[in-house]
Amino acid sequence: MHPMLNIAVRAARNAGQVVVKAFSQPENIEVIQKGSNDFVTNVDRDAEAAINHTI
């Protein structure tokens, strides 16, 4: 497999682990409103951080 594809797959799997872990503890999920119809959770931010760290 192409090295860049390997990195992308690893990043997606790491982010998936963050999401699965958060899914098992829904009481810890915090929703923040970024805009009028734009919401983000702490899980979204943690998953994005996992992707950035992997890349």
Protein backbone atom coordinates (compact mmCIF):
# COMPACT_ATOMS: atom_id res chain seq x y z
CA MET A 1 0.00 0.00 0.00
CA HIS A 2 1.15 3.56 -0.67
CA PRO A 3 2.81 5.17 2.40
CA MET A 4 0.41 8.14 2.40
CA LEU A 5 -2.56 5.78 2.33
CA ASN A 6 -1.11 3.90 5.30
CA ILE A 7 -0.89 7.15 7.26
CA ALA A 8 -4.47 8.09 6.34
CA VAL A 9 -5.79 4.69 7.40
CA ARG A 10 -3.87 4.84 10.67
CA ALA A 11 -5.21 8.35 11.36
CA ALA A 12 -8.79 7.25 10.66
CA ARG A 13 -8.44 4.23 12.94
CA ASN A 14 -7.00 6.34 15.76
CA ALA A 15 -9.88 8.81 15.43
CA GLY A 16 -12.31 5.89 15.38
CA GLN A 17 -10.91 4.62 18.66
CA VAL A 18 -11.55 8.05 20.22
CA VAL A 19 -15.15 8.00 18.99
CA VAL A 20 -15.81 4.43 20.14
CA LYS A 21 -14.41 5.20 23.59
CA ALA A 22 -16.64 8.28 23.88
CA PHE A 23 -19.68 6.31 22.68
CA SER A 24 -19.33 4.04 25.70
CA GLN A 25 -19.51 7.08 28.02
CA PRO A 26 -22.18 9.38 26.53
CA GLU A 27 -22.55 11.30 29.79
CA ASN A 28 -19.10 12.83 29.16
CA ILE A 29 -20.01 14.27 25.75
CA GLU A 30 -20.22 18.06 25.69
CA VAL A 31 -21.88 19.94 22.83
CA ILE A 32 -20.69 23.44 21.94
CA GLN A 33 -22.44 25.74 19.50
CA LYS A 34 -19.97 27.27 17.04
CA GLY A 35 -22.54 29.10 14.93
CA SER A 36 -26.27 29.46 14.52
CA ASN A 37 -26.61 25.94 13.07
CA ASP A 38 -23.10 24.66 13.69
CA PHE A 39 -22.39 22.35 16.62
CA VAL A 40 -19.24 20.54 17.73
CA THR A 41 -18.59 18.09 20.54
CA ASN A 42 -15.52 17.44 22.62
CA VAL A 43 -15.41 14.07 20.84
CA ASP A 44 -15.16 15.81 17.46
CA ARG A 45 -12.25 17.88 18.70
CA ASP A 46 -10.51 14.90 20.29
CA ALA A 47 -10.89 12.84 17.11
CA GLU A 48 -9.49 15.70 15.04
CA ALA A 49 -6.57 15.99 17.46
CA ALA A 50 -5.89 12.25 17.07
CA ILE A 51 -5.84 12.65 13.29
CA ASN A 52 -3.49 15.64 13.45
CA HIS A 53 -1.19 13.82 15.86
CA THR A 54 -1.00 10.80 13.55
CA ILE A 55 -0.29 12.89 10.48
